[in-house]
Amino acid sequence: MWTAGEKQFYVFALLDALIKHLPHRWRIGALYDIGCQIDQSLKKWDFLPEWSGCLEWGVSIFHAYGHQWTCQLWYHPRKNEIWGLSDGEGCEQFWSELQ
């Protein structure tokens, strides 16, 4: 967790803070550039096991094409019903328009 390009412990801390305030029956979608790596770390190290069935991970379309083929298959936002027709770039487009 310390040697990756992006520090995963920040994501775990944010998720932990968020999850404490949400009902357990909710499905939570997390769209993140390295969501595939975070999901694998959660499974490997058994972090937040009570939420493993509620978390849905995705990688935005732009970043998905830079990842391995398996990441594109499992974490592409168009391949999972929780994201609908989103391409995962909404926030980036929003911030771009504000300039």
C-alpha atoms as a PDB file:
ATOM      1  CA  MET A   1       0.000   0.000   0.000  1.00  0.00           C
ATOM      2  CA  TRP A   2       2.953   2.343   0.457  1.00  0.00           C
ATOM      3  CA  THR A   3       4.802   1.688  -2.775  1.00  0.00           C
ATOM      4  CA  ALA A   4       2.019   2.193  -5.322  1.00  0.00           C
ATOM      5  CA  GLY A   5       1.893   5.360  -7.407  1.00  0.00           C
ATOM      6  CA  GLU A   6      -1.188   6.513  -5.531  1.00  0.00           C
ATOM      7  CA  LYS A   7      -1.377   5.840  -1.815  1.00  0.00           C
ATOM      8  CA  GLN A   8      -4.237   3.434  -1.207  1.00  0.00           C
ATOM      9  CA  PHE A   9      -4.522   4.143   2.510  1.00  0.00           C
ATOM     10  CA  TYR A  10      -6.157   7.496   1.717  1.00  0.00           C
ATOM     11  CA  VAL A  11      -8.943   5.680  -0.123  1.00  0.00           C
ATOM     12  CA  PHE A  12      -9.425   3.227   2.749  1.00  0.00           C
ATOM     13  CA  ALA A  13      -9.622   6.073   5.269  1.00  0.00           C
ATOM     14  CA  LEU A  14     -12.203   7.942   3.164  1.00  0.00           C
ATOM     15  CA  LEU A  15     -14.259   4.789   2.608  1.00  0.00           C
ATOM     16  CA  ASP A  16     -14.200   3.986   6.298  1.00  0.00           C
ATOM     17  CA  ALA A  17     -15.408   7.490   7.194  1.00  0.00           C
ATOM     18  CA  LEU A  18     -18.150   7.362   4.548  1.00  0.00           C
ATOM     19  CA  ILE A  19     -19.368   3.857   5.322  1.00  0.00           C
ATOM     20  CA  LYS A  20     -19.880   4.654   9.010  1.00  0.00           C
ATOM     21  CA  HIS A  21     -22.600   7.138   8.022  1.00  0.00           C
ATOM     22  CA  LEU A  22     -24.526   5.070   5.466  1.00  0.00           C
ATOM     23  CA  PRO A  23     -27.159   2.362   5.903  1.00  0.00           C
ATOM     24  CA  HIS A  24     -25.811  -1.183   5.497  1.00  0.00           C
ATOM     25  CA  ARG A  25     -28.369  -2.051   2.810  1.00  0.00           C
ATOM     26  CA  TRP A  26     -27.082   0.559   0.339  1.00  0.00           C
ATOM     27  CA  ARG A  27     -25.025  -0.315  -2.730  1.00  0.00           C
ATOM     28  CA  ILE A  28     -22.102   2.059  -2.938  1.00  0.00           C
ATOM     29  CA  GLY A  29     -20.478   2.800  -6.268  1.00  0.00           C
ATOM     30  CA  ALA A  30     -16.862   3.901  -6.210  1.00  0.00           C
ATOM     31  CA  LEU A  31     -15.541   5.165  -9.519  1.00  0.00           C
ATOM     32  CA  TYR A  32     -11.805   5.691  -9.224  1.00  0.00           C
ATOM     33  CA  ASP A  33      -8.839   5.723 -11.598  1.00  0.00           C
ATOM     34  CA  ILE A  34      -7.277   2.753  -9.805  1.00  0.00           C
ATOM     35  CA  GLY A  35     -10.518   1.209  -8.553  1.00  0.00           C
ATOM     36  CA  CYS A  36      -9.417  -2.179  -9.844  1.00  0.00           C
ATOM     37  CA  GLN A  37      -6.312  -2.105  -7.649  1.00  0.00           C
ATOM     38  CA  ILE A  38      -8.271  -0.898  -4.627  1.00  0.00           C
ATOM     39  CA  ASP A  39     -10.840  -3.678  -5.082  1.00  0.00           C
ATOM     40  CA  GLN A  40      -8.091  -6.291  -5.302  1.00  0.00           C
ATOM     41  CA  SER A  41      -6.425  -4.912  -2.156  1.00  0.00           C
ATOM     42  CA  LEU A  42      -9.720  -5.027  -0.266  1.00  0.00           C
ATOM     43  CA  LYS A  43     -10.121  -8.675  -1.223  1.00  0.00           C
ATOM     44  CA  LYS A  44      -6.490  -9.647  -0.636  1.00  0.00           C
ATOM     45  CA  TRP A  45      -6.146  -8.029   2.799  1.00  0.00           C
ATOM     46  CA  ASP A  46      -9.795  -8.515   3.829  1.00  0.00           C
ATOM     47  CA  PHE A  47     -10.411  -4.825   4.549  1.00  0.00           C
ATOM     48  CA  LEU A  48     -14.023  -3.853   5.293  1.00  0.00           C
ATOM     49  CA  PRO A  49     -15.325  -7.425   4.871  1.00  0.00           C
ATOM     50  CA  GLU A  50     -18.829  -6.434   5.991  1.00  0.00           C
ATOM     51  CA  TRP A  51     -19.084  -4.094   3.008  1.00  0.00           C
ATOM     52  CA  SER A  52     -17.557  -6.297   0.332  1.00  0.00           C
ATOM     53  CA  GLY A  53     -20.971  -7.185  -1.099  1.00  0.00           C
ATOM     54  CA  CYS A  54     -22.139  -3.564  -1.139  1.00  0.00           C
ATOM     55  CA  LEU A  55     -19.172  -1.903  -2.831  1.00  0.00           C
ATOM     56  CA  GLU A  56     -19.197  -1.685  -6.624  1.00  0.00           C
ATOM     57  CA  TRP A  57     -15.933  -0.537  -8.169  1.00  0.00           C
ATOM     58  CA  GLY A  58     -15.431   1.056 -11.528  1.00  0.00           C
ATOM     59  CA  VAL A  59     -12.686   2.740 -13.524  1.00  0.00           C
ATOM     60  CA  SER A  60     -13.582   5.715 -15.713  1.00  0.00           C
ATOM     61  CA  ILE A  61     -13.575   5.017 -19.446  1.00  0.00           C
ATOM     62  CA  PHE A  62     -10.501   7.125 -20.157  1.00  0.00           C
ATOM     63  CA  HIS A  63      -8.444   5.278 -17.540  1.00  0.00           C
ATOM     64  CA  ALA A  64      -9.938   1.843 -18.267  1.00  0.00           C
ATOM     65  CA  TYR A  65      -8.312   1.765 -21.699  1.00  0.00           C
ATOM     66  CA  GLY A  66      -4.896   2.245 -20.123  1.00  0.00           C
ATOM     67  CA  HIS A  67      -5.388  -0.759 -17.850  1.00  0.00           C
ATOM     68  CA  GLN A  68      -5.134  -4.456 -18.562  1.00  0.00           C
ATOM     69  CA  TRP A  69      -7.852  -6.161 -20.574  1.00  0.00           C
ATOM     70  CA  THR A  70      -9.290  -7.806 -17.433  1.00  0.00           C
ATOM     71  CA  CYS A  71      -9.693  -4.385 -15.795  1.00  0.00           C
ATOM     72  CA  GLN A  72     -11.636  -3.202 -18.823  1.00  0.00           C
ATOM     73  CA  LEU A  73     -13.924  -6.223 -18.605  1.00  0.00           C
ATOM     74  CA  TRP A  74     -14.605  -6.127 -14.864  1.00  0.00           C
ATOM     75  CA  TYR A  75     -14.437  -2.424 -13.993  1.00  0.00           C
ATOM     76  CA  HIS A  76     -15.607  -0.564 -17.116  1.00  0.00           C
ATOM     77  CA  PRO A  77     -18.575   1.620 -16.070  1.00  0.00           C
ATOM     78  CA  ARG A  78     -20.691   0.535 -19.046  1.00  0.00           C
ATOM     79  CA  LYS A  79     -20.320  -3.125 -18.023  1.00  0.00           C
ATOM     80  CA  ASN A  80     -22.014  -2.651 -14.639  1.00  0.00           C
ATOM     81  CA  GLU A  81     -25.639  -1.625 -14.179  1.00  0.00           C
ATOM     82  CA  ILE A  82     -24.942   0.603 -11.174  1.00  0.00           C
ATOM     83  CA  TRP A  83     -23.326   3.265 -13.387  1.00  0.00           C
ATOM     84  CA  GLY A  84     -26.024   3.396 -16.073  1.00  0.00           C
ATOM     85  CA  LEU A  85     -24.750   5.137 -19.200  1.00  0.00           C
ATOM     86  CA  SER A  86     -22.132   7.183 -17.360  1.00  0.00           C
ATOM     87  CA  ASP A  87     -18.649   7.209 -18.812  1.00  0.00           C
ATOM     88  CA  GLY A  88     -17.194   8.158 -15.450  1.00  0.00           C
ATOM     89  CA  GLU A  89     -15.794  11.433 -16.713  1.00  0.00           C
ATOM     90  CA  GLY A  90     -18.586  13.695 -15.401  1.00  0.00           C
ATOM     91  CA  CYS A  91     -16.561  15.314 -12.623  1.00  0.00           C
ATOM     92  CA  GLU A  92     -13.628  15.994 -14.902  1.00  0.00           C
ATOM     93  CA  GLN A  93     -15.944  17.581 -17.492  1.00  0.00           C
ATOM     94  CA  PHE A  94     -17.593  19.661 -14.757  1.00  0.00           C
ATOM     95  CA  TRP A  95     -14.267  21.024 -13.472  1.00  0.00           C
ATOM     96  CA  SER A  96     -13.141  21.707 -17.029  1.00  0.00           C
ATOM     97  CA  GLU A  97     -16.273  23.799 -17.671  1.00  0.00           C
ATOM     98  CA  LEU A  98     -15.656  25.879 -14.538  1.00  0.00           C
ATOM     99  CA  GLN A  99     -12.329  27.194 -15.849  1.00  0.00           C
END
